[in-house]
N, C-alpha and C. Protein backbone atom coordinates (compact mmCIF):
# COMPACT_ATOMS: atom_id res chain seq x y z
N UNK A 1 11.99 29.06 11.99
CA UNK A 1 11.65 28.02 12.25
C UNK A 1 10.19 27.98 11.48
N UNK A 2 10.00 26.80 10.22
CA UNK A 2 8.65 27.25 9.67
C UNK A 2 7.34 26.70 11.27
N UNK A 3 5.97 26.48 10.07
CA UNK A 3 4.71 26.14 10.90
C UNK A 3 4.76 24.74 11.74
N UNK A 4 4.19 24.06 12.32
CA UNK A 4 3.61 22.67 12.57
C UNK A 4 3.41 22.34 10.96
N UNK A 5 2.27 23.00 10.74
CA UNK A 5 1.82 22.56 9.98
C UNK A 5 2.73 22.53 8.39
N UNK A 6 3.33 23.44 8.29
CA UNK A 6 4.39 22.92 7.07
C UNK A 6 5.39 22.03 7.50
N UNK A 7 5.74 21.62 8.72
CA UNK A 7 6.99 20.67 9.22
C UNK A 7 6.06 19.15 8.49
N UNK A 8 4.62 19.01 9.45
CA UNK A 8 4.04 18.06 8.78
C UNK A 8 3.92 17.73 7.23
N UNK A 9 3.36 18.82 6.62
CA UNK A 9 3.58 18.63 5.16
C UNK A 9 4.41 18.33 4.25
N UNK A 10 5.49 19.07 5.02
CA UNK A 10 7.07 18.60 4.26
C UNK A 10 7.57 17.04 4.84
N UNK A 11 7.25 16.23 6.03
CA UNK A 11 7.37 15.22 6.52
C UNK A 11 7.54 14.07 5.16
N UNK A 12 8.66 13.47 4.97
CA UNK A 12 8.42 11.81 4.07
C UNK A 12 8.89 11.02 4.87
N UNK A 13 7.09 10.63 5.45
CA UNK A 13 7.23 9.66 6.02
C UNK A 13 6.00 8.31 5.28
N UNK A 14 5.84 7.87 3.98
CA UNK A 14 5.90 6.69 3.47
C UNK A 14 6.76 5.91 3.01
N UNK A 15 7.05 4.80 3.90
CA UNK A 15 7.73 4.17 3.79
C UNK A 15 8.32 3.21 2.47
N UNK A 16 9.50 2.90 2.00
CA UNK A 16 9.99 2.42 0.32
C UNK A 16 10.75 0.90 0.96
N UNK A 17 10.43 0.33 0.35
CA UNK A 17 10.90 -0.93 -0.20
C UNK A 17 11.87 -0.62 -1.69
N UNK A 18 13.02 -1.00 -1.65
CA UNK A 18 13.63 -0.82 -3.02
C UNK A 18 13.93 -1.96 -3.69
N UNK A 19 14.07 -2.28 -4.72
CA UNK A 19 13.86 -3.43 -5.66
C UNK A 19 13.95 -4.21 -5.09
N UNK A 20 12.29 -4.57 -4.96
CA UNK A 20 11.68 -5.97 -4.41
C UNK A 20 12.13 -6.81 -5.43
N UNK A 21 12.58 -7.63 -5.16
CA UNK A 21 12.48 -9.10 -6.45
C UNK A 21 11.25 -9.66 -6.70
N UNK A 22 10.66 -9.88 -7.67
CA UNK A 22 9.46 -11.14 -7.75
C UNK A 22 9.74 -11.71 -9.04
N UNK A 23 10.59 -12.70 -8.54
CA UNK A 23 11.04 -13.92 -9.21
C UNK A 23 10.00 -14.78 -10.13
N UNK A 24 8.33 -14.74 -9.83
CA UNK A 24 7.50 -15.62 -10.18
C UNK A 24 7.36 -14.20 -11.61
N UNK A 25 7.62 -13.42 -11.74
CA UNK A 25 7.31 -12.16 -13.17
C UNK A 25 8.99 -11.93 -13.11
N UNK A 26 9.59 -11.92 -12.98
CA UNK A 26 10.79 -11.89 -13.66
C UNK A 26 11.77 -10.36 -13.58
N UNK A 27 10.84 -10.06 -12.60
CA UNK A 27 11.18 -8.21 -12.70
C UNK A 27 11.27 -7.75 -10.90
N UNK A 28 11.79 -6.76 -10.95
CA UNK A 28 11.79 -6.10 -9.20
C UNK A 28 11.70 -4.58 -9.42
N UNK A 29 10.84 -4.24 -8.26
CA UNK A 29 10.11 -3.33 -8.35
C UNK A 29 10.66 -2.43 -6.41
N UNK A 30 9.92 -1.37 -6.64
CA UNK A 30 10.18 -0.72 -5.36
C UNK A 30 8.73 -0.65 -4.72
N UNK A 31 8.56 -1.06 -3.60
CA UNK A 31 6.86 -1.01 -3.58
C UNK A 31 7.23 -0.12 -2.48
N UNK A 32 6.21 0.81 -2.01
CA UNK A 32 6.09 2.13 -1.40
C UNK A 32 4.44 1.64 -0.33
N UNK A 33 4.47 2.11 0.84
CA UNK A 33 3.32 2.58 1.69
C UNK A 33 2.66 3.38 1.21
N UNK A 34 1.22 3.17 1.37
CA UNK A 34 0.34 4.11 1.34
C UNK A 34 -0.28 5.45 2.22
N UNK A 35 -0.47 6.48 1.84
CA UNK A 35 -0.90 7.33 2.75
C UNK A 35 -2.32 6.94 3.33
N UNK A 36 -2.95 7.73 4.37
CA UNK A 36 -3.60 7.14 5.26
C UNK A 36 -4.70 7.21 4.48
N UNK A 37 -4.91 8.50 3.52
CA UNK A 37 -6.30 8.07 2.88
C UNK A 37 -6.68 7.06 2.44
N UNK A 38 -5.53 6.33 1.39
CA UNK A 38 -6.04 5.29 0.76
C UNK A 38 -6.33 4.20 1.52
N UNK A 39 -5.47 4.37 2.58
CA UNK A 39 -6.30 3.07 3.37
C UNK A 39 -7.34 2.71 3.90
N UNK A 40 -7.88 4.38 4.39
CA UNK A 40 -9.01 4.42 4.94
C UNK A 40 -9.91 4.49 3.67
N UNK A 41 -10.15 4.40 2.24
CA UNK A 41 -10.81 4.50 1.36
C UNK A 41 -11.00 3.09 1.20
N UNK A 42 -10.15 1.85 1.17
CA UNK A 42 -10.11 0.24 1.43
C UNK A 42 -10.75 -0.04 1.74
N UNK A 43 -10.42 0.79 3.66
CA UNK A 43 -11.66 -0.25 4.60
C UNK A 43 -12.98 0.54 4.89
N UNK A 44 -13.38 1.64 4.16
CA UNK A 44 -14.45 2.10 3.98
C UNK A 44 -15.32 1.37 2.79
N UNK A 45 -14.38 0.61 1.44
CA UNK A 45 -15.00 0.01 0.78
C UNK A 45 -15.22 -1.26 0.83
N UNK A 46 -13.94 -2.11 1.77
CA UNK A 46 -14.27 -3.85 2.24
C UNK A 46 -15.57 -3.80 3.31
N UNK A 47 -15.91 -2.37 4.29
CA UNK A 47 -16.68 -2.24 5.56
C UNK A 47 -17.70 -2.60 4.19
N UNK A 48 -18.31 -1.75 2.95
CA UNK A 48 -19.13 -1.31 2.11
C UNK A 48 -19.83 -2.77 1.39
N UNK A 49 -18.46 -3.43 1.17
CA UNK A 49 -18.82 -4.43 0.37
C UNK A 49 -19.36 -5.90 1.17
N UNK A 50 -19.03 -5.93 2.47
CA UNK A 50 -19.30 -7.08 3.29
C UNK A 50 -20.76 -6.55 3.84
N UNK A 51 -21.25 -5.93 4.00
CA UNK A 51 -22.37 -5.23 4.29
C UNK A 51 -23.22 -5.38 3.29
N UNK A 52 -22.97 -4.88 2.30
CA UNK A 52 -23.78 -5.16 0.69
C UNK A 52 -23.90 -7.07 0.40
N UNK A 53 -22.79 -7.38 0.17
CA UNK A 53 -22.78 -8.69 -0.57
C UNK A 53 -22.59 -9.98 0.03
N UNK A 54 -22.82 -9.76 1.44
CA UNK A 54 -22.23 -11.04 2.36
C UNK A 54 -20.96 -11.86 2.29
N UNK A 55 -21.07 -12.79 2.87
CA UNK A 55 -19.80 -13.48 2.82
C UNK A 55 -19.20 -13.79 1.51
N UNK A 56 -19.59 -14.56 0.94
CA UNK A 56 -19.22 -15.52 -0.36
C UNK A 56 -19.23 -14.51 -1.31
N UNK A 57 -19.71 -13.52 -1.70
CA UNK A 57 -19.65 -12.39 -2.50
C UNK A 57 -18.35 -11.18 -2.65
N UNK A 58 -17.92 -11.20 -1.00
CA UNK A 58 -17.09 -10.16 -0.53
C UNK A 58 -15.72 -10.72 -0.97
N UNK A 59 -15.48 -12.00 -0.22
CA UNK A 59 -14.14 -13.06 -0.69
C UNK A 59 -13.45 -12.09 -2.15
N UNK A 60 -14.37 -12.28 -3.18
CA UNK A 60 -13.83 -12.29 -4.66
C UNK A 60 -13.72 -10.46 -4.85
N UNK A 61 -14.44 -9.95 -4.30
CA UNK A 61 -14.44 -8.41 -4.12
C UNK A 61 -13.05 -8.17 -3.27
N UNK A 62 -12.73 -8.86 -2.27
CA UNK A 62 -11.49 -8.42 -1.28
C UNK A 62 -10.77 -8.70 -2.04
N UNK A 63 -10.23 -9.93 -2.55
CA UNK A 63 -8.92 -10.41 -3.71
C UNK A 63 -8.86 -8.95 -4.60
N UNK A 64 -9.91 -8.44 -5.69
CA UNK A 64 -9.59 -7.08 -6.62
C UNK A 64 -9.10 -6.23 -5.70
N UNK A 65 -9.60 -5.95 -4.18
CA UNK A 65 -9.06 -4.58 -3.88
C UNK A 65 -7.77 -4.71 -3.18
N UNK A 66 -7.69 -6.03 -3.06
CA UNK A 66 -6.12 -6.44 -2.65
C UNK A 66 -5.12 -5.89 -3.75
N UNK A 67 -5.48 -6.66 -5.01
CA UNK A 67 -4.90 -6.24 -6.44
C UNK A 67 -5.26 -4.53 -6.39
N UNK A 68 -6.15 -3.77 -6.04
CA UNK A 68 -6.16 -2.37 -6.02
C UNK A 68 -4.65 -1.89 -5.24
N UNK A 69 -4.81 -2.04 -4.54
CA UNK A 69 -3.34 -1.32 -3.13
C UNK A 69 -2.24 -1.88 -3.86
N UNK A 70 -1.91 -3.41 -4.56
CA UNK A 70 -0.76 -3.75 -4.92
C UNK A 70 -0.45 -2.80 -6.28
N UNK A 71 -1.59 -2.24 -6.95
CA UNK A 71 -1.45 -1.66 -8.09
C UNK A 71 -0.87 -0.06 -7.36
N UNK A 72 -1.59 0.64 -6.45
CA UNK A 72 -1.03 1.81 -6.43
C UNK A 72 0.34 1.86 -5.70
N UNK A 73 1.08 0.76 -5.09
CA UNK A 73 2.32 0.72 -4.24
C UNK A 73 3.62 -0.01 -5.81
N UNK A 74 3.28 -0.02 -6.59
CA UNK A 74 4.31 -0.56 -7.12
C UNK A 74 4.90 0.89 -8.17
N UNK A 75 6.33 0.82 -7.63
CA UNK A 75 7.13 2.20 -8.79
C UNK A 75 8.29 1.46 -9.63
N UNK A 76 8.08 2.12 -10.64
CA UNK A 76 9.43 1.72 -11.17
C UNK A 76 10.70 2.40 -10.40
N UNK A 77 11.29 1.06 -10.29
CA UNK A 77 12.79 0.98 -9.57
C UNK A 77 13.39 2.68 -9.36
N UNK A 78 13.83 3.45 -8.19
CA UNK A 78 14.15 4.03 -8.53
C UNK A 78 13.50 5.70 -9.08
N UNK A 79 12.12 5.37 -9.07
CA UNK A 79 11.67 6.62 -9.66
C UNK A 79 10.06 6.99 -8.77
N UNK A 80 10.01 8.08 -9.62
CA UNK A 80 8.10 8.25 -9.17
C UNK A 80 7.24 7.74 -9.89
N UNK A 81 7.59 6.83 -10.61
CA UNK A 81 6.50 6.87 -11.75
C UNK A 81 5.89 4.84 -11.51
N UNK A 82 4.53 5.02 -11.32
CA UNK A 82 3.78 3.48 -10.60
C UNK A 82 3.77 3.42 -12.15
N UNK A 83 4.27 1.72 -12.14
CA UNK A 83 4.51 0.34 -12.33
C UNK A 83 3.07 0.47 -13.35
N UNK A 84 1.68 0.75 -12.60
CA UNK A 84 0.21 0.29 -13.18
C UNK A 84 0.11 2.25 -13.38
N UNK A 85 -0.04 2.95 -14.16
CA UNK A 85 -0.46 4.27 -13.77
C UNK A 85 -1.63 4.45 -14.24
N UNK A 86 -2.55 3.67 -14.89
CA UNK A 86 -4.06 2.89 -15.23
C UNK A 86 -4.10 2.30 -14.37
N UNK A 87 -4.89 2.45 -13.45
CA UNK A 87 -4.73 1.48 -12.26
C UNK A 87 -6.33 0.41 -12.35
N UNK A 88 -6.77 1.08 -13.36
CA UNK A 88 -8.10 -0.07 -13.75
C UNK A 88 -7.58 -1.35 -14.99
N UNK A 89 -6.37 -1.03 -15.77
CA UNK A 89 -5.46 -1.77 -16.45
C UNK A 89 -5.07 -2.85 -15.25
N UNK A 90 -3.59 -2.16 -14.77
CA UNK A 90 -3.26 -2.51 -13.07
C UNK A 90 -4.02 -3.71 -12.43
N UNK A 91 -5.65 -3.46 -11.94
CA UNK A 91 -6.33 -4.08 -11.11
C UNK A 91 -6.42 -5.36 -11.72
N UNK A 92 -6.94 -5.19 -13.31
CA UNK A 92 -7.47 -6.34 -14.30
C UNK A 92 -5.94 -7.29 -14.47
N UNK A 93 -4.79 -6.86 -14.64
CA UNK A 93 -3.36 -7.35 -15.06
C UNK A 93 -3.20 -8.04 -13.63
N UNK A 94 -3.31 -7.78 -12.33
CA UNK A 94 -2.72 -8.11 -10.54
C UNK A 94 -4.07 -9.43 -10.82
N UNK A 95 -5.30 -8.97 -10.73
CA UNK A 95 -6.40 -9.94 -10.52
C UNK A 95 -6.34 -11.52 -11.19
N UNK A 96 -5.23 -11.42 -12.42
CA UNK A 96 -5.26 -13.11 -13.16
C UNK A 96 -4.20 -13.14 -12.78
N UNK A 97 -3.51 -13.08 -12.12
CA UNK A 97 -1.89 -13.51 -11.35
C UNK A 97 -2.10 -13.95 -9.99
N UNK A 98 -0.96 -15.35 -9.61
CA UNK A 98 -1.02 -15.91 -8.72
C UNK A 98 -1.38 -15.22 -7.19
N UNK A 99 -2.28 -15.25 -6.39
CA UNK A 99 -3.09 -15.20 -5.48
C UNK A 99 -1.65 -15.07 -4.76
N UNK A 100 -0.74 -16.13 -4.34
CA UNK A 100 0.00 -16.05 -3.44
C UNK A 100 1.43 -14.95 -3.26
N UNK A 101 1.74 -14.77 -5.08
CA UNK A 101 2.12 -13.30 -5.02
C UNK A 101 1.58 -12.18 -4.89
N UNK A 102 0.78 -12.25 -5.38
CA UNK A 102 -0.42 -10.58 -4.87
C UNK A 102 -0.49 -10.17 -3.38
N UNK A 103 -0.64 -11.35 -2.64
CA UNK A 103 -1.04 -11.70 -1.36
C UNK A 103 -0.01 -11.23 -0.76
N UNK A 104 1.69 -11.52 -1.00
CA UNK A 104 2.67 -10.95 -0.46
C UNK A 104 3.17 -10.03 -0.72
N UNK A 105 2.33 -9.57 -2.16
CA UNK A 105 3.29 -7.74 -1.97
C UNK A 105 2.09 -7.48 -1.81
N UNK A 106 0.84 -7.57 -1.27
CA UNK A 106 -0.39 -7.30 -0.16
C UNK A 106 0.33 -6.43 1.01
N UNK A 107 0.78 -7.72 1.67
CA UNK A 107 1.39 -7.48 2.82
C UNK A 107 2.67 -7.25 3.30
N UNK A 108 3.34 -6.58 2.29
CA UNK A 108 4.14 -5.68 2.26
C UNK A 108 3.93 -4.05 2.17
N UNK A 109 3.12 -4.18 1.56
CA UNK A 109 1.96 -2.81 1.03
C UNK A 109 1.49 -2.47 2.59
N UNK A 110 0.94 -3.24 2.97
CA UNK A 110 0.56 -3.09 4.58
C UNK A 110 1.48 -2.91 5.21
N UNK A 111 2.65 -3.43 5.52
CA UNK A 111 3.36 -3.23 6.59
C UNK A 111 4.16 -2.06 5.99
N UNK A 112 4.50 -1.40 4.91
CA UNK A 112 5.01 -0.37 5.14
C UNK A 112 3.93 0.49 5.29
N UNK A 113 2.64 0.97 4.85
CA UNK A 113 1.73 1.43 5.35
C UNK A 113 1.70 2.00 6.98
N UNK A 114 1.79 1.03 7.68
CA UNK A 114 1.67 0.78 9.07
C UNK A 114 0.49 0.35 9.49
N UNK A 115 -0.18 -0.65 8.61
CA UNK A 115 -1.25 -1.28 9.02
C UNK A 115 -1.33 -2.34 9.94
N UNK A 116 -0.04 -3.09 9.99
CA UNK A 116 0.37 -3.97 10.59
C UNK A 116 0.92 -4.07 12.24
N UNK A 117 0.22 -2.67 12.32
CA UNK A 117 1.04 -2.52 14.09
C UNK A 117 0.11 -1.73 14.33
N UNK A 118 -0.26 -1.98 15.60
CA UNK A 118 -1.35 -0.89 16.80
C UNK A 118 -0.94 0.04 16.94
N UNK A 119 -1.71 1.04 17.61
CA UNK A 119 -1.92 2.44 17.43
C UNK A 119 -0.60 2.86 18.46
N UNK A 120 -0.36 1.79 19.65
CA UNK A 120 0.95 2.44 20.48
C UNK A 120 1.80 2.11 19.73
N UNK A 121 2.42 0.76 18.91
CA UNK A 121 3.39 0.82 18.35
C UNK A 121 3.22 1.77 17.05
N UNK A 122 2.66 2.34 16.43
CA UNK A 122 2.96 3.50 15.46
C UNK A 122 3.44 4.62 16.50
N UNK A 123 2.61 4.92 17.38
CA UNK A 123 2.76 5.87 18.22
C UNK A 123 4.73 6.15 18.11
N UNK A 124 4.94 4.75 19.07
CA UNK A 124 6.26 4.77 19.59
C UNK A 124 7.39 4.59 18.40
N UNK A 125 7.15 4.12 17.09
CA UNK A 125 7.65 4.38 15.65
C UNK A 125 8.05 5.93 15.05
N UNK A 126 6.99 6.70 15.51
CA UNK A 126 7.05 7.91 15.25
C UNK A 126 8.19 9.00 16.09
N UNK A 127 7.97 8.34 17.34
CA UNK A 127 8.63 9.32 17.97
C UNK A 127 10.72 9.20 17.83
N UNK A 128 10.68 8.41 17.32
CA UNK A 128 12.41 7.92 16.95
C UNK A 128 12.39 8.53 15.22
N UNK A 129 10.93 8.97 14.67
CA UNK A 129 11.02 9.29 13.33
C UNK A 129 10.92 10.95 13.12
N UNK A 130 11.49 11.28 14.00
CA UNK A 130 11.13 12.87 13.99
C UNK A 130 11.84 13.37 12.88
N UNK A 131 12.55 13.12 12.28
CA UNK A 131 14.06 13.81 11.41
C UNK A 131 13.22 14.00 10.47
N UNK A 132 12.20 13.43 10.06
CA UNK A 132 11.10 13.59 8.99
C UNK A 132 11.67 12.92 7.65
N UNK A 133 13.27 11.66 7.96
CA UNK A 133 13.90 11.32 6.91
C UNK A 133 12.95 10.39 6.37
N UNK A 134 12.76 9.97 5.27
CA UNK A 134 11.91 8.60 4.31
C UNK A 134 13.16 7.55 4.16
N UNK A 135 12.07 6.14 4.61
CA UNK A 135 13.43 5.08 4.57
C UNK A 135 13.20 4.44 3.44
């Protein structure tokens, strides 16, 4: 048996929703949750924006940050290739797309990343997921 550290490193705990149809764009993509470091960066960025720009400026910045999260979560079906390997380009493209579509994808990214559950629910989910399988 390996060390606990190696077991944690090897665990495939990032959830994926394969073949998500986006009829507005005429495509299907795989959507993956983000690791905790990316979510922490996102939350820290939002906090800085709210503090620096006030409410009105923050609303526009939050929308482009949602586009960033979505760009990081979209993958070519069945591959490890991001749809937008150049995140700057992905953000620019997604920022010009329908808010409802991008917001729906953002909510799915958030769900797959476990950000829509409280700590107790996450702990309960982890208890049943100790086998290391990716969903």
